[in-house]
Amino acid sequence: MNPEMIEKIWERCGGKCECVKAAHNHPGGKCNAEIVKEMLDKSEVGGWKICKMFVAGGDNINAYTVYCNECYRQLPSVLHKEDRFGA
């Protein structure tokens, strides 16, 4: 994934996890955990991942979702492979 795409996705998420998985029991329906821009694909506090949610996503930023590390760990393992993108 190119840096411009990562930047657009970062701007859209506003520095917060976008997870809305009901099974994660987020208050208000959305995680909103704060993440740190420089912590993409890092396992420390503030770390986050970008997951491709649609096979034919291409350059459409809406095909990708930002997850904090805690939400990412709870996703099905199928999303832990080639659908994750780092800087």
C-alpha atoms as a PDB file:
ATOM      1  CA  MET A   1       0.000   0.000   0.000  1.00  0.00           C
ATOM      2  CA  ASN A   2       1.415   3.353  -0.946  1.00  0.00           C
ATOM      3  CA  PRO A   3       2.039   6.129   1.601  1.00  0.00           C
ATOM      4  CA  GLU A   4      -0.602   8.406   0.054  1.00  0.00           C
ATOM      5  CA  MET A   5      -3.284   5.753   0.567  1.00  0.00           C
ATOM      6  CA  ILE A   6      -2.187   5.202   4.176  1.00  0.00           C
ATOM      7  CA  GLU A   7      -2.347   8.970   4.761  1.00  0.00           C
ATOM      8  CA  LYS A   8      -5.906   9.176   3.377  1.00  0.00           C
ATOM      9  CA  ILE A   9      -7.016   6.270   5.555  1.00  0.00           C
ATOM     10  CA  TRP A  10      -5.361   7.890   8.584  1.00  0.00           C
ATOM     11  CA  GLU A  11      -7.143  11.184   7.918  1.00  0.00           C
ATOM     12  CA  ARG A  12     -10.478   9.401   7.622  1.00  0.00           C
ATOM     13  CA  CYS A  13     -10.077   7.532  10.925  1.00  0.00           C
ATOM     14  CA  GLY A  14      -9.077  10.681  12.819  1.00  0.00           C
ATOM     15  CA  GLY A  15      -6.588   8.786  14.976  1.00  0.00           C
ATOM     16  CA  LYS A  16      -9.208   6.395  16.353  1.00  0.00           C
ATOM     17  CA  CYS A  17     -10.041   2.728  15.902  1.00  0.00           C
ATOM     18  CA  GLU A  18     -12.929   2.242  13.467  1.00  0.00           C
ATOM     19  CA  CYS A  19     -14.072  -1.139  14.793  1.00  0.00           C
ATOM     20  CA  VAL A  20     -17.856  -1.585  15.039  1.00  0.00           C
ATOM     21  CA  LYS A  21     -17.884  -5.350  15.658  1.00  0.00           C
ATOM     22  CA  ALA A  22     -20.843  -6.107  17.933  1.00  0.00           C
ATOM     23  CA  ALA A  23     -18.994  -9.066  19.468  1.00  0.00           C
ATOM     24  CA  HIS A  24     -16.369  -6.657  20.856  1.00  0.00           C
ATOM     25  CA  ASN A  25     -19.019  -4.941  23.033  1.00  0.00           C
ATOM     26  CA  HIS A  26     -17.873  -1.380  22.358  1.00  0.00           C
ATOM     27  CA  PRO A  27     -19.774   1.276  24.328  1.00  0.00           C
ATOM     28  CA  GLY A  28     -21.840   3.233  21.828  1.00  0.00           C
ATOM     29  CA  GLY A  29     -21.166   0.657  19.106  1.00  0.00           C
ATOM     30  CA  LYS A  30     -17.730   1.892  17.985  1.00  0.00           C
ATOM     31  CA  CYS A  31     -14.321   1.336  19.596  1.00  0.00           C
ATOM     32  CA  ASN A  32     -12.815   4.817  19.122  1.00  0.00           C
ATOM     33  CA  ALA A  33      -9.607   3.829  20.951  1.00  0.00           C
ATOM     34  CA  GLU A  34      -6.888   6.387  20.303  1.00  0.00           C
ATOM     35  CA  ILE A  35      -4.048   5.243  18.054  1.00  0.00           C
ATOM     36  CA  VAL A  36      -0.742   6.867  17.116  1.00  0.00           C
ATOM     37  CA  LYS A  37       0.059   7.539  13.474  1.00  0.00           C
ATOM     38  CA  GLU A  38       3.669   6.369  13.738  1.00  0.00           C
ATOM     39  CA  MET A  39       2.590   3.097  15.383  1.00  0.00           C
ATOM     40  CA  LEU A  40       1.170   1.420  12.237  1.00  0.00           C
ATOM     41  CA  ASP A  41       1.899  -2.312  12.475  1.00  0.00           C
ATOM     42  CA  LYS A  42       3.539  -1.904  15.892  1.00  0.00           C
ATOM     43  CA  SER A  43       2.434  -4.014  18.855  1.00  0.00           C
ATOM     44  CA  GLU A  44       3.032  -1.352  21.523  1.00  0.00           C
ATOM     45  CA  VAL A  45       0.401   0.972  23.035  1.00  0.00           C
ATOM     46  CA  GLY A  46      -1.132   3.119  20.300  1.00  0.00           C
ATOM     47  CA  GLY A  47      -0.420   0.504  17.642  1.00  0.00           C
ATOM     48  CA  TRP A  48      -2.842  -0.163  14.827  1.00  0.00           C
ATOM     49  CA  LYS A  49      -3.464  -2.136  11.638  1.00  0.00           C
ATOM     50  CA  ILE A  50      -5.173  -1.497   8.321  1.00  0.00           C
ATOM     51  CA  CYS A  51      -7.321  -4.364   7.078  1.00  0.00           C
ATOM     52  CA  LYS A  52      -8.759  -4.763   3.619  1.00  0.00           C
ATOM     53  CA  MET A  53     -12.423  -5.610   4.025  1.00  0.00           C
ATOM     54  CA  PHE A  54     -13.397  -6.055   0.350  1.00  0.00           C
ATOM     55  CA  VAL A  55     -11.525  -8.235  -2.140  1.00  0.00           C
ATOM     56  CA  ALA A  56     -11.873  -5.725  -4.979  1.00  0.00           C
ATOM     57  CA  GLY A  57     -10.914  -2.738  -2.835  1.00  0.00           C
ATOM     58  CA  GLY A  58      -8.207  -1.315  -5.070  1.00  0.00           C
ATOM     59  CA  ASP A  59      -7.553   2.347  -4.306  1.00  0.00           C
ATOM     60  CA  ASN A  60     -10.910   2.915  -2.605  1.00  0.00           C
ATOM     61  CA  ILE A  61     -10.111   3.910   0.983  1.00  0.00           C
ATOM     62  CA  ASN A  62     -13.574   2.745   2.037  1.00  0.00           C
ATOM     63  CA  ALA A  63     -12.477  -0.842   1.353  1.00  0.00           C
ATOM     64  CA  TYR A  64     -10.115  -0.629   4.347  1.00  0.00           C
ATOM     65  CA  THR A  65     -10.720  -0.396   8.079  1.00  0.00           C
ATOM     66  CA  VAL A  66      -8.393   0.799  10.840  1.00  0.00           C
ATOM     67  CA  TYR A  67      -8.198  -1.387  13.948  1.00  0.00           C
ATOM     68  CA  CYS A  68      -6.394  -0.787  17.230  1.00  0.00           C
ATOM     69  CA  ASN A  69      -4.276  -3.745  18.312  1.00  0.00           C
ATOM     70  CA  GLU A  70      -6.876  -4.983  20.792  1.00  0.00           C
ATOM     71  CA  CYS A  71      -9.676  -5.119  18.207  1.00  0.00           C
ATOM     72  CA  TYR A  72      -7.338  -6.559  15.595  1.00  0.00           C
ATOM     73  CA  ARG A  73      -6.448  -9.461  17.886  1.00  0.00           C
ATOM     74  CA  GLN A  74     -10.147 -10.309  18.153  1.00  0.00           C
ATOM     75  CA  LEU A  75     -10.714 -10.479  14.379  1.00  0.00           C
ATOM     76  CA  PRO A  76     -10.986 -13.823  12.576  1.00  0.00           C
ATOM     77  CA  SER A  77      -7.544 -15.158  11.692  1.00  0.00           C
ATOM     78  CA  VAL A  78      -8.352 -14.983   7.968  1.00  0.00           C
ATOM     79  CA  LEU A  79      -7.868 -11.202   8.222  1.00  0.00           C
ATOM     80  CA  HIS A  80      -4.483 -11.593   9.870  1.00  0.00           C
ATOM     81  CA  LYS A  81      -2.730 -12.662   6.685  1.00  0.00           C
ATOM     82  CA  GLU A  82      -2.379 -10.798   3.406  1.00  0.00           C
ATOM     83  CA  ASP A  83      -5.175  -8.285   4.020  1.00  0.00           C
ATOM     84  CA  ARG A  84      -3.077  -6.259   6.459  1.00  0.00           C
ATOM     85  CA  PHE A  85      -0.955  -3.393   5.225  1.00  0.00           C
ATOM     86  CA  GLY A  86       1.901  -1.536   6.865  1.00  0.00           C
ATOM     87  CA  ALA A  87       3.898   1.520   5.996  1.00  0.00           C
END
